[in-house]
């Protein structure tokens, strides 16, 4: 029940997380309605083809054209990996609980990209370092079989795939911090500060210090100061998320390796 409460709070905080929570006795979302578990994606070529087709259709509907197949696959994997990272790191950051999210308990809806999760157990430990290690291990255990099946469609090798996971884990914790600040500002009826974002950035840095293979890099956040004297958190992703390839007229992401600090300051 504690973990379900964490997920309900996470879902309320994070509008980008489109999540259906399942009760323990509730039946699995049916494949007839195009719900596919992470475990099935890793073992069933037809399920993988279905979710890729769904992602291509969504991108085409939003942007007016379908991207190249490897771009579709990369964007879909990014969506799945970022969601998994938030589902595992969210309760850790909110309540020091590391969920055991097995690929058989998480489903992806091919037409919409929505997720369904049946919460199970969790781990909590007294030591911060041990709990961080448990979190990294939980992310790796869930995503390892999924990365293996996406390697071909995304045209990415192991280091690039795990680099994406590193980026998505850092991004998920950072996003949660920003959403906590937004909630605080709404509750106070004013702009508010960035205390929760600062705490999340520090947490992500401790979680991803570098040297934690197979996650190949560090969160490596830094601050940039704009002429108005305000500091802004930023980092440079280990790899490109290919958003620019979905919407070529759009600027590269703020954390993209292709975006200079001068350009980041201009946008800030």
Protein backbone atom coordinates (compact mmCIF):
# COMPACT_ATOMS: atom_id res chain seq x y z
CA UNK A 1 0.00 0.00 0.00
CA UNK A 2 2.87 2.37 0.71
CA UNK A 3 4.26 1.83 -2.78
CA UNK A 4 0.84 2.35 -4.37
CA UNK A 5 0.64 5.65 -2.51
CA UNK A 6 4.05 6.63 -3.86
CA UNK A 7 2.87 5.90 -7.40
CA UNK A 8 -0.36 7.82 -6.97
CA UNK A 9 1.65 10.83 -5.80
CA UNK A 10 4.14 10.38 -8.64
CA UNK A 11 1.32 10.23 -11.17
CA UNK A 12 -0.22 13.41 -9.75
CA UNK A 13 3.11 15.23 -9.76
CA UNK A 14 4.31 14.19 -13.21
CA UNK A 15 1.92 14.91 -16.09
CA UNK A 16 4.34 13.31 -18.56
CA UNK A 17 3.82 9.94 -16.85
CA UNK A 18 0.65 8.42 -18.32
CA UNK A 19 0.22 5.52 -15.92
CA UNK A 20 -2.58 3.10 -15.07
CA UNK A 21 -2.14 1.37 -11.69
CA UNK A 22 -3.42 -2.20 -11.42
CA UNK A 23 -4.69 -3.85 -8.27
CA UNK A 24 -3.06 -7.18 -7.30
CA UNK A 25 -6.14 -9.17 -8.33
CA UNK A 26 -6.86 -7.18 -11.50
CA UNK A 27 -6.34 -9.09 -14.75
CA UNK A 28 -3.43 -8.28 -17.03
CA UNK A 29 -4.13 -5.67 -19.71
CA UNK A 30 -5.10 -7.73 -22.76
CA UNK A 31 -2.89 -8.15 -25.80
CA UNK A 32 -6.13 -8.08 -27.82
CA UNK A 33 -6.30 -4.38 -26.90
CA UNK A 34 -2.61 -3.96 -27.88
CA UNK A 35 -1.13 -3.93 -24.39
CA UNK A 36 2.30 -5.60 -24.31
CA UNK A 37 4.45 -6.24 -21.26
CA UNK A 38 8.13 -5.38 -21.21
CA UNK A 39 8.85 -9.10 -20.98
CA UNK A 40 6.82 -9.76 -24.12
CA UNK A 41 8.52 -6.93 -26.00
CA UNK A 42 11.83 -8.61 -25.23
CA UNK A 43 10.73 -12.01 -26.58
CA UNK A 44 8.00 -11.51 -29.18
CA UNK A 45 8.87 -9.91 -32.53
CA UNK A 46 5.20 -9.27 -33.29
CA UNK A 47 4.75 -7.32 -30.07
CA UNK A 48 7.83 -5.25 -30.83
CA UNK A 49 6.56 -4.56 -34.35
CA UNK A 50 3.18 -3.48 -32.95
CA UNK A 51 4.61 -0.94 -30.51
CA UNK A 52 6.97 0.42 -33.17
CA UNK A 53 4.05 0.83 -35.56
CA UNK A 54 2.10 2.61 -32.85
CA UNK A 55 4.98 4.98 -32.15
CA UNK A 56 5.38 5.73 -35.86
CA UNK A 57 1.67 6.52 -36.18
CA UNK A 58 1.75 8.87 -33.18
CA UNK A 59 4.78 10.75 -34.49
CA UNK A 60 3.27 11.03 -37.96
CA UNK A 61 -0.02 12.34 -36.53
CA UNK A 62 1.77 14.95 -34.41
CA UNK A 63 4.41 16.10 -36.88
CA UNK A 64 2.85 15.39 -40.25
CA UNK A 65 5.28 12.73 -41.36
CA UNK A 66 6.78 9.47 -40.22
CA UNK A 67 10.47 9.50 -39.26
CA UNK A 68 13.04 6.97 -40.36
CA UNK A 69 12.59 3.60 -38.65
CA UNK A 70 15.66 3.85 -36.41
CA UNK A 71 14.48 7.28 -35.22
CA UNK A 72 11.06 5.86 -34.32
CA UNK A 73 12.71 3.01 -32.44
CA UNK A 74 15.04 5.37 -30.56
CA UNK A 75 12.21 7.67 -29.55
CA UNK A 76 10.09 4.74 -28.35
CA UNK A 77 12.96 3.23 -26.37
CA UNK A 78 13.65 6.64 -24.83
CA UNK A 79 10.00 6.90 -23.77
CA UNK A 80 10.02 3.41 -22.25
CA UNK A 81 13.41 3.75 -20.54
CA UNK A 82 12.64 7.20 -19.11
CA UNK A 83 9.32 5.91 -17.76
CA UNK A 84 10.97 2.87 -16.15
CA UNK A 85 13.59 5.13 -14.58
CA UNK A 86 10.90 7.41 -13.14
CA UNK A 87 8.88 4.44 -11.87
CA UNK A 88 11.91 3.07 -10.02
CA UNK A 89 13.65 6.30 -8.99
CA UNK A 90 10.47 8.20 -8.10
CA UNK A 91 9.61 6.25 -4.92
CA UNK A 92 13.31 6.25 -4.04
CA UNK A 93 13.51 10.03 -4.21
CA UNK A 94 10.13 10.58 -2.53
CA UNK A 95 10.27 7.93 0.19
CA UNK A 96 13.54 5.92 0.11
CA UNK A 97 11.78 2.91 -1.40
CA UNK A 98 13.28 1.11 -4.43
CA UNK A 99 10.51 -0.81 -6.21
CA UNK A 100 11.06 -4.17 -7.84
CA UNK A 101 9.55 -3.42 -11.27
CA UNK A 102 9.73 -6.66 -13.23
CA UNK A 103 9.18 -6.45 -17.02
CA UNK A 104 6.23 -8.85 -16.60
CA UNK A 105 4.48 -6.22 -14.43
CA UNK A 106 4.79 -3.23 -16.78
CA UNK A 107 2.76 -2.92 -19.99
CA UNK A 108 3.01 -0.51 -22.91
CA UNK A 109 -0.07 0.38 -24.95
CA UNK A 110 0.94 0.33 -28.61
CA UNK A 111 -1.57 2.93 -29.92
CA UNK A 112 -1.10 5.55 -27.18
CA UNK A 113 2.24 4.89 -25.48
CA UNK A 114 0.44 4.75 -22.10
CA UNK A 115 1.75 2.46 -19.37
CA UNK A 116 0.12 0.08 -16.94
CA UNK A 117 1.90 -1.15 -13.81
CA UNK A 118 1.11 -3.74 -11.17
CA UNK A 119 3.14 -2.66 -8.10
CA UNK A 120 4.81 -5.46 -6.18
CA UNK A 121 7.43 -5.22 -3.45
CA UNK A 122 10.19 -2.78 -2.71
CA UNK A 123 13.54 -2.59 -0.95
CA UNK A 124 14.56 -0.06 1.67
CA UNK A 125 18.01 0.02 3.27
CA UNK A 126 19.57 2.23 5.95
CA UNK A 127 22.66 3.16 3.96
CA UNK A 128 22.40 5.74 1.16
CA UNK A 129 25.13 4.16 -0.96
CA UNK A 130 23.59 0.71 -0.65
CA UNK A 131 20.15 2.04 -1.61
CA UNK A 132 21.58 3.86 -4.63
CA UNK A 133 23.29 0.65 -5.72
CA UNK A 134 19.98 -1.19 -5.31
CA UNK A 135 18.25 1.41 -7.49
CA UNK A 136 20.84 1.17 -10.27
CA UNK A 137 20.62 -2.62 -10.15
CA UNK A 138 16.81 -2.49 -10.42
CA UNK A 139 16.99 -0.22 -13.49
CA UNK A 140 19.60 -2.43 -15.15
CA UNK A 141 17.70 -5.65 -14.41
CA UNK A 142 14.50 -4.31 -15.96
CA UNK A 143 16.01 -2.69 -19.03
CA UNK A 144 18.76 -5.16 -19.99
CA UNK A 145 16.47 -7.55 -21.96
CA UNK A 146 14.59 -4.63 -23.49
CA UNK A 147 17.78 -2.95 -24.71
CA UNK A 148 18.90 -6.20 -26.30
CA UNK A 149 15.83 -6.39 -28.53
CA UNK A 150 15.93 -2.68 -29.41
CA UNK A 151 19.61 -2.73 -30.43
CA UNK A 152 18.83 -3.68 -34.02
CA UNK A 153 15.90 -1.30 -34.65
CA UNK A 154 17.70 1.66 -33.03
CA UNK A 155 21.07 0.93 -34.70
CA UNK A 156 22.78 1.48 -31.35
CA UNK A 157 25.38 -0.62 -29.61
CA UNK A 158 25.69 -1.42 -25.93
CA UNK A 159 27.49 1.73 -24.80
CA UNK A 160 25.08 4.01 -26.65
CA UNK A 161 22.07 2.11 -25.30
CA UNK A 162 23.26 2.23 -21.71
CA UNK A 163 24.22 5.87 -22.25
CA UNK A 164 20.56 6.50 -23.08
CA UNK A 165 19.55 4.81 -19.82
CA UNK A 166 22.04 6.92 -17.87
CA UNK A 167 20.63 10.06 -19.47
CA UNK A 168 17.05 8.99 -18.82
CA UNK A 169 17.75 8.14 -15.18
CA UNK A 170 19.35 11.53 -14.55
CA UNK A 171 16.55 13.23 -16.47
CA UNK A 172 13.78 11.41 -14.57
CA UNK A 173 15.10 12.46 -11.15
CA UNK A 174 15.68 16.03 -12.38
CA UNK A 175 12.15 16.21 -13.83
CA UNK A 176 10.65 15.02 -10.56
CA UNK A 177 12.50 17.77 -8.72
CA UNK A 178 11.15 20.43 -11.07
CA UNK A 179 7.62 19.08 -10.67
CA UNK A 180 7.97 19.19 -6.86
CA UNK A 181 9.02 22.83 -7.12
CA UNK A 182 6.05 23.56 -9.38
CA UNK A 183 3.71 21.97 -6.81
CA UNK A 184 5.25 24.03 -4.01
CA UNK A 185 4.90 27.23 -6.03
CA UNK A 186 1.24 26.47 -6.77
CA UNK A 187 0.52 25.75 -3.13
CA UNK A 188 2.22 28.99 -2.03
CA UNK A 189 0.54 31.04 -4.74
CA UNK A 190 3.83 32.45 -5.97
CA UNK A 191 6.77 31.61 -8.17
CA UNK A 192 8.68 29.96 -5.35
CA UNK A 193 12.28 28.81 -5.36
CA UNK A 194 14.12 25.84 -6.75
CA UNK A 195 14.89 23.93 -3.58
CA UNK A 196 13.38 20.66 -4.80
CA UNK A 197 15.18 20.90 -8.13
CA UNK A 198 18.46 21.55 -6.31
CA UNK A 199 17.86 18.49 -4.12
CA UNK A 200 16.98 16.32 -7.12
CA UNK A 201 20.07 17.42 -9.03
CA UNK A 202 22.22 16.58 -6.01
CA UNK A 203 20.47 13.21 -5.67
CA UNK A 204 21.02 12.41 -9.36
CA UNK A 205 24.68 13.35 -9.04
CA UNK A 206 25.14 11.00 -6.09
CA UNK A 207 23.23 8.25 -7.87
CA UNK A 208 25.27 8.58 -11.07
CA UNK A 209 28.81 9.59 -10.07
CA UNK A 210 30.40 7.74 -12.99
CA UNK A 211 32.06 4.36 -13.00
CA UNK A 212 28.83 2.45 -12.29
CA UNK A 213 28.84 0.11 -15.29
CA UNK A 214 26.94 -0.78 -17.34
CA UNK A 215 25.76 2.82 -16.90
CA UNK A 216 28.72 4.43 -18.65
CA UNK A 217 28.73 8.02 -17.44
CA UNK A 218 27.89 10.48 -14.70
CA UNK A 219 24.93 12.80 -14.23
CA UNK A 220 27.50 15.61 -14.35
CA UNK A 221 25.18 18.56 -13.72
CA UNK A 222 26.57 22.08 -13.81
CA UNK A 223 25.19 25.60 -13.49
CA UNK A 224 25.04 28.37 -16.05
CA UNK A 225 24.41 31.97 -14.96
CA UNK A 226 22.37 34.31 -17.10
CA UNK A 227 22.97 38.10 -17.14
CA UNK A 228 20.12 38.60 -14.66
CA UNK A 229 22.19 36.73 -12.06
CA UNK A 230 20.05 33.59 -12.04
CA UNK A 231 21.70 30.15 -12.02
CA UNK A 232 20.27 27.37 -14.17
CA UNK A 233 20.99 23.65 -13.88
CA UNK A 234 22.09 21.89 -17.04
CA UNK A 235 23.98 18.83 -18.20
CA UNK A 236 25.12 17.41 -21.51
CA UNK A 237 23.55 14.11 -22.48
CA UNK A 238 25.86 11.23 -23.29
CA UNK A 239 23.99 10.72 -26.56
CA UNK A 240 21.45 12.48 -28.75
CA UNK A 241 17.77 11.61 -28.18
CA UNK A 242 17.04 12.29 -31.90
CA UNK A 243 14.17 14.69 -31.26
CA UNK A 244 15.59 16.97 -33.94
CA UNK A 245 15.20 14.10 -36.43
CA UNK A 246 11.50 13.85 -35.59
CA UNK A 247 10.90 17.57 -36.01
CA UNK A 248 13.77 19.03 -38.07
CA UNK A 249 12.49 22.60 -37.77
CA UNK A 250 12.80 22.38 -33.98
CA UNK A 251 15.91 23.37 -32.10
CA UNK A 252 18.06 20.65 -30.56
CA UNK A 253 17.24 19.91 -26.94
CA UNK A 254 18.83 22.05 -24.24
CA UNK A 255 20.87 19.09 -22.97
CA UNK A 256 21.84 17.82 -26.44
CA UNK A 257 25.57 17.34 -27.15
CA UNK A 258 24.92 19.48 -30.25
CA UNK A 259 23.83 22.50 -28.14
CA UNK A 260 26.58 24.84 -26.93
CA UNK A 261 26.53 26.56 -23.56
CA UNK A 262 26.24 29.89 -25.39
CA UNK A 263 23.02 28.66 -27.02
CA UNK A 264 21.75 27.35 -23.69
CA UNK A 265 22.31 30.74 -22.08
CA UNK A 266 20.49 32.44 -24.93
CA UNK A 267 17.45 30.20 -24.42
CA UNK A 268 17.53 30.55 -20.64
